[in-house]
Protein backbone atom coordinates (compact mmCIF):
# COMPACT_ATOMS: atom_id res chain seq x y z
CA UNK A 1 -0.03 -0.02 -0.05
CA UNK A 2 1.24 3.47 -0.90
CA UNK A 3 1.65 5.50 2.11
CA UNK A 4 1.64 9.48 1.89
CA UNK A 5 1.94 12.45 4.17
CA UNK A 6 0.20 15.64 3.04
CA UNK A 7 0.94 18.82 4.75
CA UNK A 8 -1.31 21.76 4.33
CA UNK A 9 0.38 25.07 4.89
CA UNK A 10 -2.59 27.24 4.68
CA UNK A 11 -3.33 29.36 7.66
CA UNK A 12 -7.00 28.80 6.86
CA UNK A 13 -6.56 25.05 7.11
CA UNK A 14 -9.60 23.01 6.30
CA UNK A 15 -11.58 26.26 5.45
CA UNK A 16 -9.21 27.68 2.85
CA UNK A 17 -9.05 27.33 -1.00
CA UNK A 18 -6.05 25.15 -0.60
CA UNK A 19 -7.99 22.51 1.36
CA UNK A 20 -10.72 22.78 -1.28
CA UNK A 21 -8.46 21.38 -3.95
CA UNK A 22 -6.40 19.05 -1.43
CA UNK A 23 -9.41 17.38 -0.13
CA UNK A 24 -10.56 15.65 -3.38
CA UNK A 25 -7.00 15.07 -4.26
CA UNK A 26 -6.47 13.07 -1.09
CA UNK A 27 -9.70 11.26 -1.63
CA UNK A 28 -8.54 10.31 -4.97
CA UNK A 29 -5.44 8.80 -3.59
CA UNK A 30 -7.43 6.94 -1.03
CA UNK A 31 -9.83 5.63 -3.59
CA UNK A 32 -6.76 4.19 -5.56
CA UNK A 33 -5.78 2.38 -2.32
CA UNK A 34 -3.41 4.89 -0.89
CA UNK A 35 -2.95 5.46 2.81
CA UNK A 36 -2.93 9.36 3.42
CA UNK A 37 -2.31 11.19 6.71
CA UNK A 38 -3.06 14.84 6.66
CA UNK A 39 -1.39 17.54 8.84
CA UNK A 40 -2.29 21.24 9.00
CA UNK A 41 0.69 23.48 9.76
CA UNK A 42 -1.76 25.72 11.60
CA UNK A 43 -2.31 23.26 14.26
CA UNK A 44 1.35 22.38 14.66
CA UNK A 45 3.97 24.23 16.69
CA UNK A 46 6.94 24.33 14.22
CA UNK A 47 9.72 26.80 15.02
CA UNK A 48 11.97 28.35 12.44
CA UNK A 49 15.37 26.53 11.95
CA UNK A 50 17.79 28.06 14.56
CA UNK A 51 20.51 25.59 14.46
CA UNK A 52 23.00 27.67 12.44
CA UNK A 53 25.82 25.14 13.09
CA UNK A 54 24.00 22.51 11.20
CA UNK A 55 23.49 20.28 14.31
CA UNK A 56 21.49 17.75 12.15
CA UNK A 57 24.37 17.46 9.60
CA UNK A 58 27.58 17.57 11.76
CA UNK A 59 26.71 17.00 15.39
CA UNK A 60 24.13 14.25 15.12
CA UNK A 61 23.21 13.45 11.54
CA UNK A 62 19.51 12.93 11.05
CA UNK A 63 18.53 14.48 14.40
CA UNK A 64 16.99 17.99 14.89
CA UNK A 65 18.07 19.97 17.89
CA UNK A 66 14.73 21.64 18.13
CA UNK A 67 12.02 19.84 20.08
CA UNK A 68 8.66 20.82 18.71
CA UNK A 69 6.05 19.20 16.60
CA UNK A 70 8.38 18.32 13.92
CA UNK A 71 9.38 15.63 16.16
CA UNK A 72 5.92 14.14 15.59
CA UNK A 73 6.34 14.52 11.77
CA UNK A 74 9.77 13.06 11.33
CA UNK A 75 8.95 9.41 11.90
CA UNK A 76 5.90 9.63 9.76
CA UNK A 77 7.81 11.22 6.98
CA UNK A 78 10.46 8.55 7.15
CA UNK A 79 7.64 5.86 6.52
CA UNK A 80 5.86 7.71 3.70
CA UNK A 81 6.28 6.85 0.13
CA UNK A 82 4.85 10.26 -1.15
CA UNK A 83 5.14 13.82 0.35
CA UNK A 84 2.36 16.09 -0.57
CA UNK A 85 3.19 19.83 0.06
CA UNK A 86 -0.07 21.88 -0.19
CA UNK A 87 0.17 25.62 -0.06
CA UNK A 88 -1.32 28.92 -1.17
CA UNK A 89 1.01 31.25 -2.99
CA UNK A 90 2.23 34.00 -0.68
CA UNK A 91 5.73 35.64 -1.33
CA UNK A 92 6.37 32.89 -1.93
CA UNK A 93 5.14 30.66 0.98
CA UNK A 94 3.26 31.17 4.15
CA UNK A 95 5.72 31.42 7.01
CA UNK A 96 4.76 28.12 8.69
CA UNK A 97 5.10 26.20 5.43
CA UNK A 98 8.49 27.66 4.96
CA UNK A 99 9.51 26.59 8.43
CA UNK A 100 8.46 23.03 7.46
CA UNK A 101 10.36 22.88 4.41
CA UNK A 102 13.55 24.17 6.02
CA UNK A 103 13.11 21.71 8.92
CA UNK A 104 13.18 18.75 6.47
CA UNK A 105 16.95 18.99 6.50
CA UNK A 106 17.49 16.23 9.07
CA UNK A 107 15.97 13.75 6.62
CA UNK A 108 18.95 14.51 4.15
CA UNK A 109 22.18 12.64 4.51
CA UNK A 110 25.21 14.84 5.15
CA UNK A 111 27.01 13.79 1.94
CA UNK A 112 27.16 16.09 -1.15
CA UNK A 113 27.71 15.21 -4.75
CA UNK A 114 27.60 17.00 -8.09
CA UNK A 115 24.92 15.98 -10.76
CA UNK A 116 24.52 17.83 -13.97
CA UNK A 117 26.54 20.78 -12.68
CA UNK A 118 24.58 21.21 -9.33
CA UNK A 119 25.39 20.26 -5.76
CA UNK A 120 22.82 17.58 -4.62
CA UNK A 121 22.25 15.30 -1.63
CA UNK A 122 20.04 12.33 -0.97
CA UNK A 123 17.48 11.45 1.77
CA UNK A 124 18.77 9.02 4.56
CA UNK A 125 18.55 5.41 3.80
CA UNK A 126 15.66 5.14 6.43
CA UNK A 127 13.47 7.77 4.59
CA UNK A 128 10.98 6.03 2.25
CA UNK A 129 9.88 9.12 0.29
CA UNK A 130 10.28 8.57 -3.38
CA UNK A 131 7.98 11.32 -4.82
CA UNK A 132 7.16 14.95 -3.96
CA UNK A 133 4.06 16.38 -5.12
CA UNK A 134 2.79 20.07 -5.00
CA UNK A 135 -0.81 21.26 -4.50
CA UNK A 136 -1.05 24.91 -4.58
CA UNK A 137 -3.80 27.54 -4.98
CA UNK A 138 -3.39 31.17 -5.83
CA UNK A 139 -5.72 34.31 -6.23
CA UNK A 140 -4.08 35.67 -9.53
CA UNK A 141 -5.30 34.63 -12.96
CA UNK A 142 -2.16 33.12 -14.56
CA UNK A 143 -0.23 29.83 -13.89
CA UNK A 144 2.94 31.73 -14.10
CA UNK A 145 2.29 33.13 -10.61
CA UNK A 146 3.03 29.66 -9.21
CA UNK A 147 6.45 29.64 -10.82
CA UNK A 148 8.50 30.40 -7.45
CA UNK A 149 6.44 27.75 -5.50
CA UNK A 150 6.70 25.09 -8.05
CA UNK A 151 10.46 25.57 -8.36
CA UNK A 152 10.79 25.29 -4.46
CA UNK A 153 9.11 21.92 -4.61
CA UNK A 154 11.21 20.87 -7.58
CA UNK A 155 14.42 21.85 -6.00
CA UNK A 156 13.58 20.04 -2.88
CA UNK A 157 12.92 16.82 -4.84
CA UNK A 158 16.16 17.32 -6.81
CA UNK A 159 18.16 18.04 -3.75
CA UNK A 160 16.91 14.98 -2.03
CA UNK A 161 17.31 12.70 -5.16
CA UNK A 162 13.62 11.70 -5.46
CA UNK A 163 11.04 12.24 -8.24
CA UNK A 164 9.09 15.50 -8.41
CA UNK A 165 5.85 14.07 -9.57
CA UNK A 166 4.12 17.15 -10.59
CA UNK A 167 1.94 20.19 -9.38
CA UNK A 168 -1.64 20.50 -9.00
CA UNK A 169 -2.22 24.22 -9.55
CA UNK A 170 -5.54 26.13 -9.07
CA UNK A 171 -5.16 29.87 -10.02
CA UNK A 172 -8.06 32.29 -9.00
CA UNK A 173 -9.22 29.53 -6.68
CA UNK A 174 -11.61 31.85 -4.90
CA UNK A 175 -13.95 31.96 -7.99
CA UNK A 176 -14.80 28.22 -7.51
CA UNK A 177 -17.40 29.32 -4.92
CA UNK A 178 -20.09 31.89 -4.83
CA UNK A 179 -22.09 32.50 -1.81
CA UNK A 180 -20.37 29.55 -0.07
CA UNK A 181 -21.52 27.02 -2.77
CA UNK A 182 -19.19 25.43 -5.24
CA UNK A 183 -20.10 26.56 -8.93
CA UNK A 184 -20.72 24.09 -11.54
CA UNK A 185 -17.30 24.95 -13.01
CA UNK A 186 -15.70 24.41 -9.64
CA UNK A 187 -17.18 20.94 -9.44
CA UNK A 188 -15.29 20.15 -12.76
CA UNK A 189 -12.14 21.36 -11.24
CA UNK A 190 -12.80 19.25 -7.95
CA UNK A 191 -13.49 16.19 -9.99
CA UNK A 192 -10.20 16.69 -11.75
CA UNK A 193 -8.21 17.09 -8.67
CA UNK A 194 -9.67 13.81 -7.24
CA UNK A 195 -8.78 12.24 -10.59
CA UNK A 196 -5.18 13.55 -10.31
CA UNK A 197 -4.81 12.02 -6.82
CA UNK A 198 -6.18 8.72 -8.05
CA UNK A 199 -3.75 8.69 -11.07
CA UNK A 200 -0.83 9.45 -8.77
CA UNK A 201 -1.36 6.38 -6.77
CA UNK A 202 -2.76 3.99 -9.36
CA UNK A 203 -0.43 4.87 -12.35
CA UNK A 204 2.45 6.40 -10.61
CA UNK A 205 1.97 9.72 -12.34
CA UNK A 206 -0.64 12.36 -13.03
CA UNK A 207 -1.95 12.96 -16.60
CA UNK A 208 -1.22 16.34 -18.15
CA UNK A 209 -4.73 16.58 -19.31
CA UNK A 210 -6.13 16.03 -15.79
CA UNK A 211 -3.82 18.70 -14.32
CA UNK A 212 -4.88 21.07 -17.09
CA UNK A 213 -8.55 20.61 -16.13
CA UNK A 214 -7.60 21.53 -12.53
CA UNK A 215 -6.07 24.72 -13.77
CA UNK A 216 -8.50 25.69 -16.41
CA UNK A 217 -9.47 29.38 -16.43
CA UNK A 218 -12.78 30.24 -14.98
CA UNK A 219 -12.82 33.94 -15.97
CA UNK A 220 -10.96 36.14 -18.50
CA UNK A 221 -7.81 37.81 -17.37
CA UNK A 222 -9.29 41.26 -18.03
CA UNK A 223 -12.48 40.42 -15.94
CA UNK A 224 -10.49 39.23 -12.91
CA UNK A 225 -8.33 42.28 -13.01
CA UNK A 226 -11.45 44.38 -12.94
CA UNK A 227 -12.63 42.61 -9.96
CA UNK A 228 -9.40 43.29 -8.16
CA UNK A 229 -9.11 47.01 -9.25
CA UNK A 230 -12.71 48.05 -8.78
CA UNK A 231 -12.06 49.83 -5.70
CA UNK A 232 -9.63 52.12 -7.34
């Protein structure tokens, strides 16, 4: 059975737009036989990395000197086959999510090598993660607004020598609902998000057509800009 850990970095937790996409995505994974455990950063006490001397690298490789809720996540991350990072686009990440990403360092072996001109490392041998997936939502119109966040996830996967299995991206996510109810077009997006999760577990990869349905425009760029600028 495929085991996955999903970490939702949205401060709005299950009430946010990120959860709106992440929930069917996880359901799709579970429908395909995956075992998914979800954590909300907003309910965890995770401090910034303050071990400037790289304690987890030089002093005690694989151990973090900070005793907070990351100590609950580390053993679960070591057992997971897939790590799902879910986040809204801030500039670039919410603070709590950035802390989580930085605090993944103890999972990485203190041994560097050069691959294709870049310094890279690997997860410790006791870390089962083989795929990293991004689920992200944003308020702006274009997919390009996700570029920095996608690259963070890609770099994390490449630095740890695992597969970046793709990004489930939903721009102008707030338009999926009106008056608290999911729109008809929003339901199409949620169905595609569920399908993407199913494909990830069942087929090992997400179909590009499925990801395109998740990201499909719900409004013209000009109309969205007018919404944002109407107060001026």
